Amino acid sequence: MDLSQPNQKITLSALVYTFVPFSILTAIGIFLAETRQDIVLERAIYSIWETYILATPALCLYILGLQQSKRYTYWLLFWTFAGLAYAIHVYWTFFQIFDGQIEKMFTKQGLAIAGTNVAITLWWMIDLALAWFVNSNQGWIRAQRTGIHTLFFLAAVFVGIFRKEGVITWLSIAMAVAVVTCIIIRIRSRKTYSQTSITLDQDGFEGLETPGTATQP
């Protein structure tokens, strides 16, 4: 991705449009689980639903490019709150369902799923720290950021579509459709920009040639 880091300007409107959905979804997940028999399991389920919902616009903004200050701000906030929702999910699953035992988690989930979850959790938190406190213009930061976005997307869609069913499947499909759509938009915009640049270059070349031509006998 072509990334630069504009000045971070966290406006009130941006905070409202990102923090309010995070707060509402978190509250709904916590209290709705109280009506279920297995409260802890339901809270883990609702928190991963919330993660998918908040991560989808973050993925789309990242794909479309973060050169614009406003777009960068919304990506940062959505990516942050999605990460917090995922951290809540990790708390309910690892510390409550698996009693904080690594062996138990790997036994229940398997090496591939558990290992991917651990990688996403640690990598996401590191990327958020870099996004907030380190200049993202550095090449290795851009590379690792593309990596965590790609890993999360692939893991989320794979698990949601092929290993789960119900709401999480539909959220996975919606995420996949949104991401593919944004990729197409990004590719088409680049083609349009390239064609425009070529046209401008040709016009400029012809403009430079015209006076020279006029002076010839």
C-alpha atoms as a PDB file:
ATOM      1  CA  MET A   1       0.000   0.000   0.000  1.00  0.00           C
ATOM      2  CA  ASP A   2       0.998   3.585  -0.645  1.00  0.00           C
ATOM      3  CA  LEU A   3       1.042   5.033   2.833  1.00  0.00           C
ATOM      4  CA  SER A   4       2.136   8.273   4.316  1.00  0.00           C
ATOM      5  CA  GLN A   5       1.255   9.588   7.737  1.00  0.00           C
ATOM      6  CA  PRO A   6      -0.558  12.922   7.714  1.00  0.00           C
ATOM      7  CA  ASN A   7      -0.885  14.970  10.849  1.00  0.00           C
ATOM      8  CA  GLN A   8      -3.109  13.130  13.276  1.00  0.00           C
ATOM      9  CA  LYS A   9      -6.097  15.362  13.959  1.00  0.00           C
ATOM     10  CA  ILE A  10      -8.624  13.490  16.072  1.00  0.00           C
ATOM     11  CA  THR A  11     -11.708  15.619  15.586  1.00  0.00           C
ATOM     12  CA  LEU A  12     -14.816  15.373  17.734  1.00  0.00           C
ATOM     13  CA  SER A  13     -16.905  14.151  14.797  1.00  0.00           C
ATOM     14  CA  ALA A  14     -14.411  11.394  13.959  1.00  0.00           C
ATOM     15  CA  LEU A  15     -14.355  10.294  17.592  1.00  0.00           C
ATOM     16  CA  VAL A  16     -18.144  10.260  17.763  1.00  0.00           C
ATOM     17  CA  TYR A  17     -18.542   8.242  14.554  1.00  0.00           C
ATOM     18  CA  THR A  18     -16.084   5.591  15.781  1.00  0.00           C
ATOM     19  CA  PHE A  19     -16.201   5.534  19.577  1.00  0.00           C
ATOM     20  CA  VAL A  20     -20.000   5.626  19.818  1.00  0.00           C
ATOM     21  CA  PRO A  21     -20.470   2.468  17.670  1.00  0.00           C
ATOM     22  CA  PHE A  22     -17.728   0.767  19.693  1.00  0.00           C
ATOM     23  CA  SER A  23     -19.384   1.708  22.981  1.00  0.00           C
ATOM     24  CA  ILE A  24     -22.875   0.707  21.873  1.00  0.00           C
ATOM     25  CA  LEU A  25     -21.777  -2.631  20.413  1.00  0.00           C
ATOM     26  CA  THR A  26     -19.690  -3.425  23.498  1.00  0.00           C
ATOM     27  CA  ALA A  27     -22.555  -2.608  25.846  1.00  0.00           C
ATOM     28  CA  ILE A  28     -25.034  -4.631  23.793  1.00  0.00           C
ATOM     29  CA  GLY A  29     -22.693  -7.607  23.755  1.00  0.00           C
ATOM     30  CA  ILE A  30     -22.140  -7.515  27.519  1.00  0.00           C
ATOM     31  CA  PHE A  31     -25.745  -7.095  28.550  1.00  0.00           C
ATOM     32  CA  LEU A  32     -27.343  -9.259  25.856  1.00  0.00           C
ATOM     33  CA  ALA A  33     -25.160 -12.131  27.012  1.00  0.00           C
ATOM     34  CA  GLU A  34     -26.861 -11.879  30.419  1.00  0.00           C
ATOM     35  CA  THR A  35     -29.999 -13.306  28.827  1.00  0.00           C
ATOM     36  CA  ARG A  36     -28.141 -16.426  27.644  1.00  0.00           C
ATOM     37  CA  GLN A  37     -27.296 -19.586  29.517  1.00  0.00           C
ATOM     38  CA  ASP A  38     -23.529 -19.480  28.869  1.00  0.00           C
ATOM     39  CA  ILE A  39     -22.730 -15.823  29.563  1.00  0.00           C
ATOM     40  CA  VAL A  40     -18.986 -16.035  28.975  1.00  0.00           C
ATOM     41  CA  LEU A  41     -19.305 -17.865  25.666  1.00  0.00           C
ATOM     42  CA  GLU A  42     -21.917 -15.420  24.408  1.00  0.00           C
ATOM     43  CA  ARG A  43     -19.775 -12.426  25.344  1.00  0.00           C
ATOM     44  CA  ALA A  44     -16.896 -13.970  23.420  1.00  0.00           C
ATOM     45  CA  ILE A  45     -19.177 -14.434  20.409  1.00  0.00           C
ATOM     46  CA  TYR A  46     -20.623 -10.920  20.533  1.00  0.00           C
ATOM     47  CA  SER A  47     -17.170  -9.344  20.891  1.00  0.00           C
ATOM     48  CA  ILE A  48     -15.869 -11.088  17.768  1.00  0.00           C
ATOM     49  CA  TRP A  49     -18.960  -9.919  15.883  1.00  0.00           C
ATOM     50  CA  GLU A  50     -18.104  -6.399  17.023  1.00  0.00           C
ATOM     51  CA  THR A  51     -14.528  -6.864  15.834  1.00  0.00           C
ATOM     52  CA  TYR A  52     -15.696  -7.815  12.335  1.00  0.00           C
ATOM     53  CA  ILE A  53     -18.063  -4.836  12.165  1.00  0.00           C
ATOM     54  CA  LEU A  54     -15.456  -2.269  13.224  1.00  0.00           C
ATOM     55  CA  ALA A  55     -12.551  -3.812  11.298  1.00  0.00           C
ATOM     56  CA  THR A  56     -14.386  -3.779   7.958  1.00  0.00           C
ATOM     57  CA  PRO A  57     -14.300   0.026   7.470  1.00  0.00           C
ATOM     58  CA  ALA A  58     -10.698   0.064   8.744  1.00  0.00           C
ATOM     59  CA  LEU A  59      -9.663  -2.485   6.106  1.00  0.00           C
ATOM     60  CA  CYS A  60     -11.476  -0.553   3.390  1.00  0.00           C
ATOM     61  CA  LEU A  61      -9.893   2.763   4.351  1.00  0.00           C
ATOM     62  CA  TYR A  62      -6.468   1.147   4.421  1.00  0.00           C
ATOM     63  CA  ILE A  63      -6.930  -0.290   0.937  1.00  0.00           C
ATOM     64  CA  LEU A  64      -8.167   3.003  -0.502  1.00  0.00           C
ATOM     65  CA  GLY A  65      -5.044   4.770   0.808  1.00  0.00           C
ATOM     66  CA  LEU A  66      -4.250   6.882   3.847  1.00  0.00           C
ATOM     67  CA  GLN A  67      -2.679   9.925   2.229  1.00  0.00           C
ATOM     68  CA  GLN A  68      -5.610  12.134   3.188  1.00  0.00           C
ATOM     69  CA  SER A  69      -5.570  13.330   6.788  1.00  0.00           C
ATOM     70  CA  LYS A  70      -9.279  12.680   7.349  1.00  0.00           C
ATOM     71  CA  ARG A  71      -9.125   9.162   5.925  1.00  0.00           C
ATOM     72  CA  TYR A  72      -6.044   8.384   8.016  1.00  0.00           C
ATOM     73  CA  THR A  73      -7.804   9.565  11.177  1.00  0.00           C
ATOM     74  CA  TYR A  74     -10.870   7.391  10.572  1.00  0.00           C
ATOM     75  CA  TRP A  75      -8.685   4.394   9.721  1.00  0.00           C
ATOM     76  CA  LEU A  76      -6.677   4.880  12.924  1.00  0.00           C
ATOM     77  CA  LEU A  77      -9.776   5.129  15.108  1.00  0.00           C
ATOM     78  CA  PHE A  78     -11.656   2.232  13.502  1.00  0.00           C
ATOM     79  CA  TRP A  79      -8.516   0.061  13.588  1.00  0.00           C
ATOM     80  CA  THR A  80      -7.969   1.004  17.242  1.00  0.00           C
ATOM     81  CA  PHE A  81     -11.504   0.284  18.394  1.00  0.00           C
ATOM     82  CA  ALA A  82     -11.614  -2.934  16.379  1.00  0.00           C
ATOM     83  CA  GLY A  83      -8.391  -3.914  18.129  1.00  0.00           C
ATOM     84  CA  LEU A  84      -9.936  -3.146  21.513  1.00  0.00           C
ATOM     85  CA  ALA A  85     -12.979  -5.252  20.629  1.00  0.00           C
ATOM     86  CA  TYR A  86     -10.636  -8.079  19.646  1.00  0.00           C
ATOM     87  CA  ALA A  87      -8.775  -7.675  22.946  1.00  0.00           C
ATOM     88  CA  ILE A  88     -12.102  -8.060  24.755  1.00  0.00           C
ATOM     89  CA  HIS A  89     -12.758 -11.207  22.735  1.00  0.00           C
ATOM     90  CA  VAL A  90      -9.326 -12.560  23.678  1.00  0.00           C
ATOM     91  CA  TYR A  91     -10.044 -11.864  27.341  1.00  0.00           C
ATOM     92  CA  TRP A  92     -13.302 -13.828  27.324  1.00  0.00           C
ATOM     93  CA  THR A  93     -11.860 -16.719  25.348  1.00  0.00           C
ATOM     94  CA  PHE A  94      -8.355 -17.109  26.735  1.00  0.00           C
ATOM     95  CA  PHE A  95      -8.729 -15.978  30.336  1.00  0.00           C
ATOM     96  CA  GLN A  96     -12.292 -17.166  30.949  1.00  0.00           C
ATOM     97  CA  ILE A  97     -13.068 -20.094  28.635  1.00  0.00           C
ATOM     98  CA  PHE A  98      -9.514 -21.488  28.563  1.00  0.00           C
ATOM     99  CA  ASP A  99      -8.662 -20.350  32.114  1.00  0.00           C
ATOM    100  CA  GLY A 100      -5.544 -18.558  30.886  1.00  0.00           C
ATOM    101  CA  GLN A 101      -3.866 -21.838  29.912  1.00  0.00           C
ATOM    102  CA  ILE A 102      -1.921 -21.901  26.658  1.00  0.00           C
ATOM    103  CA  GLU A 103      -1.970 -25.701  26.497  1.00  0.00           C
ATOM    104  CA  LYS A 104      -5.735 -25.816  26.889  1.00  0.00           C
ATOM    105  CA  MET A 105      -6.261 -23.243  24.153  1.00  0.00           C
ATOM    106  CA  PHE A 106      -4.026 -25.056  21.654  1.00  0.00           C
ATOM    107  CA  THR A 107      -5.666 -28.384  22.522  1.00  0.00           C
ATOM    108  CA  LYS A 108      -9.184 -27.061  21.958  1.00  0.00           C
ATOM    109  CA  GLN A 109      -8.537 -24.875  18.920  1.00  0.00           C
ATOM    110  CA  GLY A 110      -5.669 -26.705  17.264  1.00  0.00           C
ATOM    111  CA  LEU A 111      -2.226 -25.423  16.341  1.00  0.00           C
ATOM    112  CA  ALA A 112      -3.256 -23.516  13.201  1.00  0.00           C
ATOM    113  CA  ILE A 113      -6.202 -21.590  14.690  1.00  0.00           C
ATOM    114  CA  ALA A 114      -4.659 -20.958  18.111  1.00  0.00           C
ATOM    115  CA  GLY A 115      -1.315 -19.964  16.615  1.00  0.00           C
ATOM    116  CA  THR A 116      -2.978 -17.563  14.195  1.00  0.00           C
ATOM    117  CA  ASN A 117      -5.018 -16.024  17.023  1.00  0.00           C
ATOM    118  CA  VAL A 118      -1.899 -15.455  19.108  1.00  0.00           C
ATOM    119  CA  ALA A 119      -0.061 -13.933  16.143  1.00  0.00           C
ATOM    120  CA  ILE A 120      -2.954 -11.598  15.313  1.00  0.00           C
ATOM    121  CA  THR A 121      -3.352 -10.496  18.940  1.00  0.00           C
ATOM    122  CA  LEU A 122       0.305  -9.614  19.486  1.00  0.00           C
ATOM    123  CA  TRP A 123       0.849  -8.164  16.001  1.00  0.00           C
ATOM    124  CA  TRP A 124      -2.278  -6.013  16.151  1.00  0.00           C
ATOM    125  CA  MET A 125      -1.272  -4.473  19.483  1.00  0.00           C
ATOM    126  CA  ILE A 126       2.237  -3.765  18.182  1.00  0.00           C
ATOM    127  CA  ASP A 127       0.842  -2.146  15.025  1.00  0.00           C
ATOM    128  CA  LEU A 128      -1.464   0.082  17.077  1.00  0.00           C
ATOM    129  CA  ALA A 129       1.455   1.229  19.204  1.00  0.00           C
ATOM    130  CA  LEU A 130       3.401   2.050  16.052  1.00  0.00           C
ATOM    131  CA  ALA A 131       0.415   3.835  14.503  1.00  0.00           C
ATOM    132  CA  TRP A 132      -0.043   6.092  17.520  1.00  0.00           C
ATOM    133  CA  PHE A 133       3.540   6.788  18.516  1.00  0.00           C
ATOM    134  CA  VAL A 134       5.883   6.168  15.555  1.00  0.00           C
ATOM    135  CA  ASN A 135       6.100   7.826  12.133  1.00  0.00           C
ATOM    136  CA  SER A 136       4.472   5.436   9.660  1.00  0.00           C
ATOM    137  CA  ASN A 137       6.554   6.696   6.737  1.00  0.00           C
ATOM    138  CA  GLN A 138       9.228   4.142   7.576  1.00  0.00           C
ATOM    139  CA  GLY A 139       9.219   1.284   5.079  1.00  0.00           C
ATOM    140  CA  TRP A 140       9.281  -1.574   7.576  1.00  0.00           C
ATOM    141  CA  ILE A 141       6.276  -0.133   9.387  1.00  0.00           C
ATOM    142  CA  ARG A 142       4.315   0.076   6.145  1.00  0.00           C
ATOM    143  CA  ALA A 143       5.290  -3.492   5.302  1.00  0.00           C
ATOM    144  CA  GLN A 144       4.285  -4.945   8.660  1.00  0.00           C
ATOM    145  CA  ARG A 145       1.018  -2.975   8.614  1.00  0.00           C
ATOM    146  CA  THR A 146       0.102  -4.511   5.284  1.00  0.00           C
ATOM    147  CA  GLY A 147       0.973  -7.877   6.810  1.00  0.00           C
ATOM    148  CA  ILE A 148      -1.311  -7.605   9.843  1.00  0.00           C
ATOM    149  CA  HIS A 149      -4.217  -6.284   7.759  1.00  0.00           C
ATOM    150  CA  THR A 150      -3.786  -9.143   5.302  1.00  0.00           C
ATOM    151  CA  LEU A 151      -3.431 -11.798   8.003  1.00  0.00           C
ATOM    152  CA  PHE A 152      -6.471 -10.601   9.913  1.00  0.00           C
ATOM    153  CA  PHE A 153      -8.609 -10.386   6.783  1.00  0.00           C
ATOM    154  CA  LEU A 154      -7.693 -13.844   5.523  1.00  0.00           C
ATOM    155  CA  ALA A 155      -8.106 -15.450   8.941  1.00  0.00           C
ATOM    156  CA  ALA A 156     -11.407 -13.691   9.631  1.00  0.00           C
ATOM    157  CA  VAL A 157     -12.945 -14.617   6.290  1.00  0.00           C
ATOM    158  CA  PHE A 158     -11.660 -18.200   6.410  1.00  0.00           C
ATOM    159  CA  VAL A 159     -12.936 -18.860   9.924  1.00  0.00           C
ATOM    160  CA  GLY A 160     -16.225 -17.042   9.376  1.00  0.00           C
ATOM    161  CA  ILE A 161     -17.101 -18.780   6.122  1.00  0.00           C
ATOM    162  CA  PHE A 162     -15.563 -22.238   6.440  1.00  0.00           C
ATOM    163  CA  ARG A 163     -15.528 -22.968  10.177  1.00  0.00           C
ATOM    164  CA  LYS A 164     -18.498 -21.060  11.587  1.00  0.00           C
ATOM    165  CA  GLU A 165     -22.107 -20.453  10.701  1.00  0.00           C
ATOM    166  CA  GLY A 166     -24.819 -17.921  11.371  1.00  0.00           C
ATOM    167  CA  VAL A 167     -24.178 -14.217  11.926  1.00  0.00           C
ATOM    168  CA  ILE A 168     -20.392 -14.517  11.800  1.00  0.00           C
ATOM    169  CA  THR A 169     -20.633 -16.059   8.333  1.00  0.00           C
ATOM    170  CA  TRP A 170     -22.673 -13.155   7.012  1.00  0.00           C
ATOM    171  CA  LEU A 171     -20.299 -10.667   8.617  1.00  0.00           C
ATOM    172  CA  SER A 172     -17.397 -12.465   6.921  1.00  0.00           C
ATOM    173  CA  ILE A 173     -19.130 -12.341   3.545  1.00  0.00           C
ATOM    174  CA  ALA A 174     -19.893  -8.634   4.003  1.00  0.00           C
ATOM    175  CA  MET A 175     -16.259  -7.997   4.920  1.00  0.00           C
ATOM    176  CA  ALA A 176     -15.008  -9.919   1.883  1.00  0.00           C
ATOM    177  CA  VAL A 177     -17.367  -8.086  -0.486  1.00  0.00           C
ATOM    178  CA  ALA A 178     -16.403  -4.701   0.963  1.00  0.00           C
ATOM    179  CA  VAL A 179     -12.677  -5.416   0.730  1.00  0.00           C
ATOM    180  CA  VAL A 180     -12.856  -6.759  -2.837  1.00  0.00           C
ATOM    181  CA  THR A 181     -14.935  -3.732  -3.868  1.00  0.00           C
ATOM    182  CA  CYS A 182     -12.359  -1.354  -2.386  1.00  0.00           C
ATOM    183  CA  ILE A 183      -9.534  -3.211  -4.141  1.00  0.00           C
ATOM    184  CA  ILE A 184     -11.347  -2.792  -7.465  1.00  0.00           C
ATOM    185  CA  ILE A 185     -11.909   0.910  -6.761  1.00  0.00           C
ATOM    186  CA  ARG A 186      -8.236   1.354  -5.879  1.00  0.00           C
ATOM    187  CA  ILE A 187      -7.080  -0.406  -9.054  1.00  0.00           C
ATOM    188  CA  ARG A 188      -9.471   1.566 -11.278  1.00  0.00           C
ATOM    189  CA  SER A 189      -8.483   4.863  -9.671  1.00  0.00           C
ATOM    190  CA  ARG A 190      -4.817   4.080 -10.298  1.00  0.00           C
ATOM    191  CA  LYS A 191      -5.552   3.267 -13.955  1.00  0.00           C
ATOM    192  CA  THR A 192      -7.503   6.498 -14.317  1.00  0.00           C
ATOM    193  CA  TYR A 193      -4.671   8.458 -12.718  1.00  0.00           C
ATOM    194  CA  SER A 194      -2.103   6.799 -14.990  1.00  0.00           C
ATOM    195  CA  GLN A 195      -4.154   7.533 -18.103  1.00  0.00           C
ATOM    196  CA  THR A 196      -4.611  11.152 -17.013  1.00  0.00           C
ATOM    197  CA  SER A 197      -0.886  11.529 -16.390  1.00  0.00           C
ATOM    198  CA  ILE A 198      -0.068  10.110 -19.826  1.00  0.00           C
ATOM    199  CA  THR A 199      -2.559  12.488 -21.458  1.00  0.00           C
ATOM    200  CA  LEU A 200      -1.116  15.475 -19.620  1.00  0.00           C
ATOM    201  CA  ASP A 201       2.410  14.447 -20.563  1.00  0.00           C
ATOM    202  CA  GLN A 202       1.417  14.133 -24.218  1.00  0.00           C
ATOM    203  CA  ASP A 203      -0.340  17.501 -24.183  1.00  0.00           C
ATOM    204  CA  GLY A 204       2.663  19.113 -22.584  1.00  0.00           C
ATOM    205  CA  PHE A 205       4.990  17.531 -25.121  1.00  0.00           C
ATOM    206  CA  GLU A 206       2.871  18.755 -28.012  1.00  0.00           C
ATOM    207  CA  GLY A 207       2.679  22.190 -26.451  1.00  0.00           C
ATOM    208  CA  LEU A 208       6.452  22.365 -26.278  1.00  0.00           C
ATOM    209  CA  GLU A 209       6.773  21.195 -29.869  1.00  0.00           C
ATOM    210  CA  THR A 210       4.318  23.690 -31.377  1.00  0.00           C
ATOM    211  CA  PRO A 211       6.444  26.852 -31.028  1.00  0.00           C
ATOM    212  CA  GLY A 212       9.470  25.050 -32.449  1.00  0.00           C
ATOM    213  CA  THR A 213       7.448  23.878 -35.399  1.00  0.00           C
ATOM    214  CA  ALA A 214       6.147  27.367 -36.048  1.00  0.00           C
ATOM    215  CA  THR A 215       9.643  28.790 -36.375  1.00  0.00           C
ATOM    216  CA  GLN A 216      10.635  26.368 -39.080  1.00  0.00           C
ATOM    217  CA  PRO A 217      10.392  27.560 -42.699  1.00  0.00           C
END
